[in-house]
Amino acid sequence: MGSFSIWHWLVVGILVLLLFGKGRFSDMMGDVAKGIKSFKKGMADDDAPTPAPKQIEGQRAPDAAPMSTPTAEHDKL
């Protein structure tokens, strides 16, 4: 079992071309390139600083008056 002959590699090459075809192979490589570009763009977007959340400005609700806690003197009245 040595290396394969030139005829073996020629037959394998022809079978690969028949299965995938020239157009399919180039389309597949184009899709791979688009995927890599999309991945790189996604990674670059992750590195970009996110803007700080905006604070909503408006009227504040008035603070409620503090309620006194009941004590023993209040209970006797």
PDB file of N, CA and C in Angstrom:
ATOM      1  N   MET A   1       0.834  -1.172   0.000  1.00  0.00           N
ATOM      2  CA  MET A   1       0.000   0.000   0.000  1.00  0.00           C
ATOM      3  C   MET A   1       0.879   1.236   0.000  1.00  0.00           C
ATOM      4  N   GLY A   2       1.241   1.664  -1.119  1.00  0.00           N
ATOM      5  CA  GLY A   2       2.040   2.865  -1.254  1.00  0.00           C
ATOM      6  C   GLY A   2       1.161   4.046  -1.585  1.00  0.00           C
ATOM      7  N   SER A   3       1.755   4.992  -2.226  1.00  0.00           N
ATOM      8  CA  SER A   3       0.981   6.164  -2.630  1.00  0.00           C
ATOM      9  C   SER A   3       0.096   5.786  -3.806  1.00  0.00           C
ATOM     10  N   PHE A   4      -0.937   6.569  -3.989  1.00  0.00           N
ATOM     11  CA  PHE A   4      -1.873   6.288  -5.075  1.00  0.00           C
ATOM     12  C   PHE A   4      -1.282   6.765  -6.399  1.00  0.00           C
ATOM     13  N   SER A   5      -1.696   6.147  -7.471  1.00  0.00           N
ATOM     14  CA  SER A   5      -1.178   6.510  -8.791  1.00  0.00           C
ATOM     15  C   SER A   5      -1.876   7.757  -9.306  1.00  0.00           C
ATOM     16  N   ILE A   6      -1.351   8.289 -10.386  1.00  0.00           N
ATOM     17  CA  ILE A   6      -1.932   9.485 -10.993  1.00  0.00           C
ATOM     18  C   ILE A   6      -3.346   9.211 -11.491  1.00  0.00           C
ATOM     19  N   TRP A   7      -3.598   7.975 -11.935  1.00  0.00           N
ATOM     20  CA  TRP A   7      -4.927   7.626 -12.434  1.00  0.00           C
ATOM     21  C   TRP A   7      -5.957   7.632 -11.303  1.00  0.00           C
ATOM     22  N   HIS A   8      -5.542   7.197 -10.160  1.00  0.00           N
ATOM     23  CA  HIS A   8      -6.437   7.222  -9.007  1.00  0.00           C
ATOM     24  C   HIS A   8      -6.852   8.662  -8.682  1.00  0.00           C
ATOM     25  N   TRP A   9      -5.892   9.564  -8.608  1.00  0.00           N
ATOM     26  CA  TRP A   9      -6.185  10.959  -8.291  1.00  0.00           C
ATOM     27  C   TRP A   9      -7.011  11.624  -9.391  1.00  0.00           C
ATOM     28  N   LEU A  10      -6.793  11.236 -10.642  1.00  0.00           N
ATOM     29  CA  LEU A  10      -7.571  11.769 -11.752  1.00  0.00           C
ATOM     30  C   LEU A  10      -9.030  11.346 -11.634  1.00  0.00           C
ATOM     31  N   VAL A  11      -9.265  10.083 -11.316  1.00  0.00           N
ATOM     32  CA  VAL A  11     -10.640   9.589 -11.142  1.00  0.00           C
ATOM     33  C   VAL A  11     -11.306  10.280  -9.955  1.00  0.00           C
ATOM     34  N   VAL A  12     -10.598  10.435  -8.865  1.00  0.00           N
ATOM     35  CA  VAL A  12     -11.151  11.115  -7.688  1.00  0.00           C
ATOM     36  C   VAL A  12     -11.497  12.560  -8.040  1.00  0.00           C
ATOM     37  N   GLY A  13     -10.623  13.236  -8.760  1.00  0.00           N
ATOM     38  CA  GLY A  13     -10.882  14.622  -9.169  1.00  0.00           C
ATOM     39  C   GLY A  13     -12.108  14.735 -10.048  1.00  0.00           C
ATOM     40  N   ILE A  14     -12.268  13.804 -10.996  1.00  0.00           N
ATOM     41  CA  ILE A  14     -13.438  13.826 -11.884  1.00  0.00           C
ATOM     42  C   ILE A  14     -14.716  13.583 -11.081  1.00  0.00           C
ATOM     43  N   LEU A  15     -14.667  12.655 -10.139  1.00  0.00           N
ATOM     44  CA  LEU A  15     -15.849  12.399  -9.309  1.00  0.00           C
ATOM     45  C   LEU A  15     -16.217  13.625  -8.458  1.00  0.00           C
ATOM     46  N   VAL A  16     -15.221  14.287  -7.931  1.00  0.00           N
ATOM     47  CA  VAL A  16     -15.487  15.490  -7.134  1.00  0.00           C
ATOM     48  C   VAL A  16     -16.116  16.571  -8.002  1.00  0.00           C
ATOM     49  N   LEU A  17     -15.602  16.763  -9.212  1.00  0.00           N
ATOM     50  CA  LEU A  17     -16.178  17.761 -10.115  1.00  0.00           C
ATOM     51  C   LEU A  17     -17.596  17.390 -10.522  1.00  0.00           C
ATOM     52  N   LEU A  18     -17.857  16.105 -10.710  1.00  0.00           N
ATOM     53  CA  LEU A  18     -19.207  15.682 -11.064  1.00  0.00           C
ATOM     54  C   LEU A  18     -20.183  15.898  -9.911  1.00  0.00           C
ATOM     55  N   LEU A  19     -19.731  15.620  -8.700  1.00  0.00           N
ATOM     56  CA  LEU A  19     -20.615  15.781  -7.549  1.00  0.00           C
ATOM     57  C   LEU A  19     -20.868  17.247  -7.217  1.00  0.00           C
ATOM     58  N   PHE A  20     -19.813  18.017  -7.184  1.00  0.00           N
ATOM     59  CA  PHE A  20     -19.953  19.414  -6.767  1.00  0.00           C
ATOM     60  C   PHE A  20     -20.086  20.363  -7.943  1.00  0.00           C
ATOM     61  N   GLY A  21     -19.429  20.074  -9.029  1.00  0.00           N
ATOM     62  CA  GLY A  21     -19.478  20.954 -10.182  1.00  0.00           C
ATOM     63  C   GLY A  21     -18.699  22.231  -9.945  1.00  0.00           C
ATOM     64  N   LYS A  22     -18.316  22.880 -11.029  1.00  0.00           N
ATOM     65  CA  LYS A  22     -17.531  24.109 -10.911  1.00  0.00           C
ATOM     66  C   LYS A  22     -18.355  25.224 -10.271  1.00  0.00           C
ATOM     67  N   GLY A  23     -19.600  25.362 -10.689  1.00  0.00           N
ATOM     68  CA  GLY A  23     -20.452  26.430 -10.159  1.00  0.00           C
ATOM     69  C   GLY A  23     -20.794  26.227  -8.696  1.00  0.00           C
ATOM     70  N   ARG A  24     -21.081  24.996  -8.319  1.00  0.00           N
ATOM     71  CA  ARG A  24     -21.437  24.718  -6.923  1.00  0.00           C
ATOM     72  C   ARG A  24     -20.262  24.980  -5.995  1.00  0.00           C
ATOM     73  N   PHE A  25     -19.096  24.608  -6.425  1.00  0.00           N
ATOM     74  CA  PHE A  25     -17.912  24.798  -5.585  1.00  0.00           C
ATOM     75  C   PHE A  25     -17.629  26.281  -5.376  1.00  0.00           C
ATOM     76  N   SER A  26     -17.731  27.077  -6.456  1.00  0.00           N
ATOM     77  CA  SER A  26     -17.472  28.514  -6.309  1.00  0.00           C
ATOM     78  C   SER A  26     -18.567  29.184  -5.486  1.00  0.00           C
ATOM     79  N   ASP A  27     -19.823  28.727  -5.632  1.00  0.00           N
ATOM     80  CA  ASP A  27     -20.903  29.271  -4.807  1.00  0.00           C
ATOM     81  C   ASP A  27     -20.685  28.944  -3.333  1.00  0.00           C
ATOM     82  N   MET A  28     -20.223  27.724  -3.091  1.00  0.00           N
ATOM     83  CA  MET A  28     -19.974  27.304  -1.724  1.00  0.00           C
ATOM     84  C   MET A  28     -18.851  28.143  -1.102  1.00  0.00           C
ATOM     85  N   MET A  29     -17.801  28.422  -1.850  1.00  0.00           N
ATOM     86  CA  MET A  29     -16.696  29.228  -1.337  1.00  0.00           C
ATOM     87  C   MET A  29     -17.155  30.675  -1.117  1.00  0.00           C
ATOM     88  N   GLY A  30     -18.044  31.177  -1.988  1.00  0.00           N
ATOM     89  CA  GLY A  30     -18.580  32.526  -1.799  1.00  0.00           C
ATOM     90  C   GLY A  30     -19.403  32.613  -0.526  1.00  0.00           C
ATOM     91  N   ASP A  31     -20.189  31.569  -0.250  1.00  0.00           N
ATOM     92  CA  ASP A  31     -20.981  31.548   0.980  1.00  0.00           C
ATOM     93  C   ASP A  31     -20.082  31.496   2.218  1.00  0.00           C
ATOM     94  N   VAL A  32     -18.995  30.754   2.117  1.00  0.00           N
ATOM     95  CA  VAL A  32     -18.050  30.682   3.234  1.00  0.00           C
ATOM     96  C   VAL A  32     -17.423  32.062   3.475  1.00  0.00           C
ATOM     97  N   ALA A  33     -17.072  32.752   2.392  1.00  0.00           N
ATOM     98  CA  ALA A  33     -16.476  34.086   2.527  1.00  0.00           C
ATOM     99  C   ALA A  33     -17.467  35.065   3.153  1.00  0.00           C
ATOM    100  N   LYS A  34     -18.737  34.991   2.744  1.00  0.00           N
ATOM    101  CA  LYS A  34     -19.759  35.872   3.331  1.00  0.00           C
ATOM    102  C   LYS A  34     -19.932  35.579   4.813  1.00  0.00           C
ATOM    103  N   GLY A  35     -19.872  34.303   5.175  1.00  0.00           N
ATOM    104  CA  GLY A  35     -20.001  33.933   6.580  1.00  0.00           C
ATOM    105  C   GLY A  35     -18.853  34.466   7.407  1.00  0.00           C
ATOM    106  N   ILE A  36     -17.646  34.407   6.861  1.00  0.00           N
ATOM    107  CA  ILE A  36     -16.478  34.918   7.586  1.00  0.00           C
ATOM    108  C   ILE A  36     -16.578  36.426   7.759  1.00  0.00           C
ATOM    109  N   LYS A  37     -17.000  37.127   6.709  1.00  0.00           N
ATOM    110  CA  LYS A  37     -17.159  38.590   6.811  1.00  0.00           C
ATOM    111  C   LYS A  37     -18.217  38.954   7.842  1.00  0.00           C
ATOM    112  N   SER A  38     -19.317  38.212   7.841  1.00  0.00           N
ATOM    113  CA  SER A  38     -20.379  38.470   8.813  1.00  0.00           C
ATOM    114  C   SER A  38     -19.895  38.223  10.234  1.00  0.00           C
ATOM    115  N   PHE A  39     -19.114  37.165  10.412  1.00  0.00           N
ATOM    116  CA  PHE A  39     -18.567  36.858  11.733  1.00  0.00           C
ATOM    117  C   PHE A  39     -17.637  37.969  12.203  1.00  0.00           C
ATOM    118  N   LYS A  40     -16.763  38.439  11.317  1.00  0.00           N
ATOM    119  CA  LYS A  40     -15.843  39.515  11.689  1.00  0.00           C
ATOM    120  C   LYS A  40     -16.601  40.788  12.046  1.00  0.00           C
ATOM    121  N   LYS A  41     -17.659  41.086  11.284  1.00  0.00           N
ATOM    122  CA  LYS A  41     -18.455  42.279  11.560  1.00  0.00           C
ATOM    123  C   LYS A  41     -19.139  42.147  12.921  1.00  0.00           C
ATOM    124  N   GLY A  42     -19.646  40.972  13.211  1.00  0.00           N
ATOM    125  CA  GLY A  42     -20.283  40.740  14.505  1.00  0.00           C
ATOM    126  C   GLY A  42     -19.310  40.874  15.654  1.00  0.00           C
ATOM    127  N   MET A  43     -18.092  40.397  15.462  1.00  0.00           N
ATOM    128  CA  MET A  43     -17.095  40.522  16.515  1.00  0.00           C
ATOM    129  C   MET A  43     -16.691  41.978  16.709  1.00  0.00           C
ATOM    130  N   ALA A  44     -16.625  42.744  15.625  1.00  0.00           N
ATOM    131  CA  ALA A  44     -16.273  44.162  15.739  1.00  0.00           C
ATOM    132  C   ALA A  44     -17.388  44.924  16.439  1.00  0.00           C
ATOM    133  N   ASP A  45     -18.642  44.548  16.207  1.00  0.00           N
ATOM    134  CA  ASP A  45     -19.763  45.213  16.869  1.00  0.00           C
ATOM    135  C   ASP A  45     -19.744  44.942  18.366  1.00  0.00           C
ATOM    136  N   ASP A  46     -19.294  43.768  18.774  1.00  0.00           N
ATOM    137  CA  ASP A  46     -19.221  43.452  20.196  1.00  0.00           C
ATOM    138  C   ASP A  46     -18.172  44.302  20.896  1.00  0.00           C
ATOM    139  N   ASP A  47     -17.099  44.662  20.195  1.00  0.00           N
ATOM    140  CA  ASP A  47     -16.032  45.447  20.794  1.00  0.00           C
ATOM    141  C   ASP A  47     -16.399  46.922  20.909  1.00  0.00           C
ATOM    142  N   ALA A  48     -17.352  47.384  20.113  1.00  0.00           N
ATOM    143  CA  ALA A  48     -17.736  48.799  20.130  1.00  0.00           C
ATOM    144  C   ALA A  48     -18.396  49.115  21.473  1.00  0.00           C
ATOM    145  N   PRO A  49     -18.068  50.276  22.049  1.00  0.00           N
ATOM    146  CA  PRO A  49     -18.675  50.622  23.338  1.00  0.00           C
ATOM    147  C   PRO A  49     -20.169  50.882  23.174  1.00  0.00           C
ATOM    148  N   THR A  50     -20.930  50.410  24.127  1.00  0.00           N
ATOM    149  CA  THR A  50     -22.364  50.628  24.072  1.00  0.00           C
ATOM    150  C   THR A  50     -22.671  51.977  24.694  1.00  0.00           C
ATOM    151  N   PRO A  51     -23.596  52.721  24.113  1.00  0.00           N
ATOM    152  CA  PRO A  51     -23.924  54.033  24.683  1.00  0.00           C
ATOM    153  C   PRO A  51     -24.624  53.859  26.027  1.00  0.00           C
ATOM    154  N   ALA A  52     -24.388  54.842  26.914  1.00  0.00           N
ATOM    155  CA  ALA A  52     -25.001  54.804  28.235  1.00  0.00           C
ATOM    156  C   ALA A  52     -26.507  54.987  28.086  1.00  0.00           C
ATOM    157  N   PRO A  53     -27.288  54.311  28.885  1.00  0.00           N
ATOM    158  CA  PRO A  53     -28.744  54.466  28.780  1.00  0.00           C
ATOM    159  C   PRO A  53     -29.153  55.894  29.137  1.00  0.00           C
ATOM    160  N   LYS A  54     -30.104  56.403  28.401  1.00  0.00           N
ATOM    161  CA  LYS A  54     -30.580  57.764  28.644  1.00  0.00           C
ATOM    162  C   LYS A  54     -31.485  57.774  29.860  1.00  0.00           C
ATOM    163  N   GLN A  55     -31.360  58.842  30.645  1.00  0.00           N
ATOM    164  CA  GLN A  55     -32.221  58.981  31.801  1.00  0.00           C
ATOM    165  C   GLN A  55     -33.430  59.805  31.401  1.00  0.00           C
ATOM    166  N   ILE A  56     -34.565  59.389  31.853  1.00  0.00           N
ATOM    167  CA  ILE A  56     -35.794  60.106  31.546  1.00  0.00           C
ATOM    168  C   ILE A  56     -35.958  61.211  32.574  1.00  0.00           C
ATOM    169  N   GLU A  57     -36.075  62.422  32.068  1.00  0.00           N
ATOM    170  CA  GLU A  57     -36.244  63.551  32.971  1.00  0.00           C
ATOM    171  C   GLU A  57     -37.715  63.911  33.034  1.00  0.00           C
ATOM    172  N   GLY A  58     -38.181  64.219  34.186  1.00  0.00           N
ATOM    173  CA  GLY A  58     -39.581  64.594  34.373  1.00  0.00           C
ATOM    174  C   GLY A  58     -39.778  65.053  35.796  1.00  0.00           C
ATOM    175  N   GLN A  59     -41.030  65.208  36.171  1.00  0.00           N
ATOM    176  CA  GLN A  59     -41.333  65.656  37.522  1.00  0.00           C
ATOM    177  C   GLN A  59     -41.155  64.498  38.491  1.00  0.00           C
ATOM    178  N   ARG A  60     -40.616  64.850  39.639  1.00  0.00           N
ATOM    179  CA  ARG A  60     -40.488  63.855  40.697  1.00  0.00           C
ATOM    180  C   ARG A  60     -41.760  63.843  41.513  1.00  0.00           C
ATOM    181  N   ALA A  61     -42.126  62.703  41.957  1.00  0.00           N
ATOM    182  CA  ALA A  61     -43.278  62.599  42.855  1.00  0.00           C
ATOM    183  C   ALA A  61     -42.885  63.185  44.210  1.00  0.00           C
ATOM    184  N   PRO A  62     -43.773  63.910  44.835  1.00  0.00           N
ATOM    185  CA  PRO A  62     -43.419  64.482  46.147  1.00  0.00           C
ATOM    186  C   PRO A  62     -43.205  63.363  47.148  1.00  0.00           C
ATOM    187  N   ASP A  63     -42.230  63.611  48.017  1.00  0.00           N
ATOM    188  CA  ASP A  63     -41.943  62.621  49.050  1.00  0.00           C
ATOM    189  C   ASP A  63     -43.110  62.567  50.026  1.00  0.00           C
ATOM    190  N   ALA A  64     -43.466  61.392  50.420  1.00  0.00           N
ATOM    191  CA  ALA A  64     -44.550  61.225  51.387  1.00  0.00           C
ATOM    192  C   ALA A  64     -44.061  61.681  52.763  1.00  0.00           C
ATOM    193  N   ALA A  65     -44.962  62.254  53.521  1.00  0.00           N
ATOM    194  CA  ALA A  65     -44.614  62.712  54.867  1.00  0.00           C
ATOM    195  C   ALA A  65     -44.317  61.489  55.719  1.00  0.00           C
ATOM    196  N   PRO A  66     -43.267  61.567  56.489  1.00  0.00           N
ATOM    197  CA  PRO A  66     -42.941  60.395  57.312  1.00  0.00           C
ATOM    198  C   PRO A  66     -44.019  60.165  58.367  1.00  0.00           C
ATOM    199  N   MET A  67     -44.396  58.929  58.531  1.00  0.00           N
ATOM    200  CA  MET A  67     -45.412  58.590  59.526  1.00  0.00           C
ATOM    201  C   MET A  67     -44.696  58.223  60.825  1.00  0.00           C
ATOM    202  N   SER A  68     -45.277  58.692  61.904  1.00  0.00           N
ATOM    203  CA  SER A  68     -44.670  58.365  63.195  1.00  0.00           C
ATOM    204  C   SER A  68     -45.063  56.936  63.561  1.00  0.00           C
ATOM    205  N   THR A  69     -44.165  56.303  64.261  1.00  0.00           N
ATOM    206  CA  THR A  69     -44.446  54.947  64.692  1.00  0.00           C
ATOM    207  C   THR A  69     -45.202  54.996  65.998  1.00  0.00           C
ATOM    208  N   PRO A  70     -46.139  54.127  66.172  1.00  0.00           N
ATOM    209  CA  PRO A  70     -46.908  54.151  67.428  1.00  0.00           C
ATOM    210  C   PRO A  70     -46.025  53.770  68.618  1.00  0.00           C
ATOM    211  N   THR A  71     -46.209  54.491  69.671  1.00  0.00           N
ATOM    212  CA  THR A  71     -45.468  54.210  70.911  1.00  0.00           C
ATOM    213  C   THR A  71     -46.475  53.931  72.016  1.00  0.00           C
ATOM    214  N   ALA A  72     -45.973  53.630  73.150  1.00  0.00           N
ATOM    215  CA  ALA A  72     -46.845  53.294  74.291  1.00  0.00           C
ATOM    216  C   ALA A  72     -47.693  54.499  74.696  1.00  0.00           C
ATOM    217  N   GLU A  73     -47.157  55.731  74.582  1.00  0.00           N
ATOM    218  CA  GLU A  73     -47.902  56.931  74.950  1.00  0.00           C
ATOM    219  C   GLU A  73     -49.056  57.141  74.003  1.00  0.00           C
ATOM    220  N   HIS A  74     -48.905  56.907  72.716  1.00  0.00           N
ATOM    221  CA  HIS A  74     -49.978  57.099  71.750  1.00  0.00           C
ATOM    222  C   HIS A  74     -51.081  56.062  71.958  1.00  0.00           C
ATOM    223  N   ASP A  75     -50.724  54.887  72.399  1.00  0.00           N
ATOM    224  CA  ASP A  75     -51.720  53.847  72.579  1.00  0.00           C
ATOM    225  C   ASP A  75     -52.629  54.145  73.789  1.00  0.00           C
ATOM    226  N   LYS A  76     -52.104  54.859  74.788  1.00  0.00           N
ATOM    227  CA  LYS A  76     -52.871  55.153  75.980  1.00  0.00           C
ATOM    228  C   LYS A  76     -53.916  56.231  75.723  1.00  0.00           C
ATOM    229  N   LEU A  77     -53.727  57.057  74.743  1.00  0.00           N
ATOM    230  CA  LEU A  77     -54.674  58.159  74.489  1.00  0.00           C
ATOM    231  C   LEU A  77     -55.884  57.639  73.880  1.00  0.00           C
TER     232      LEU A  77
END
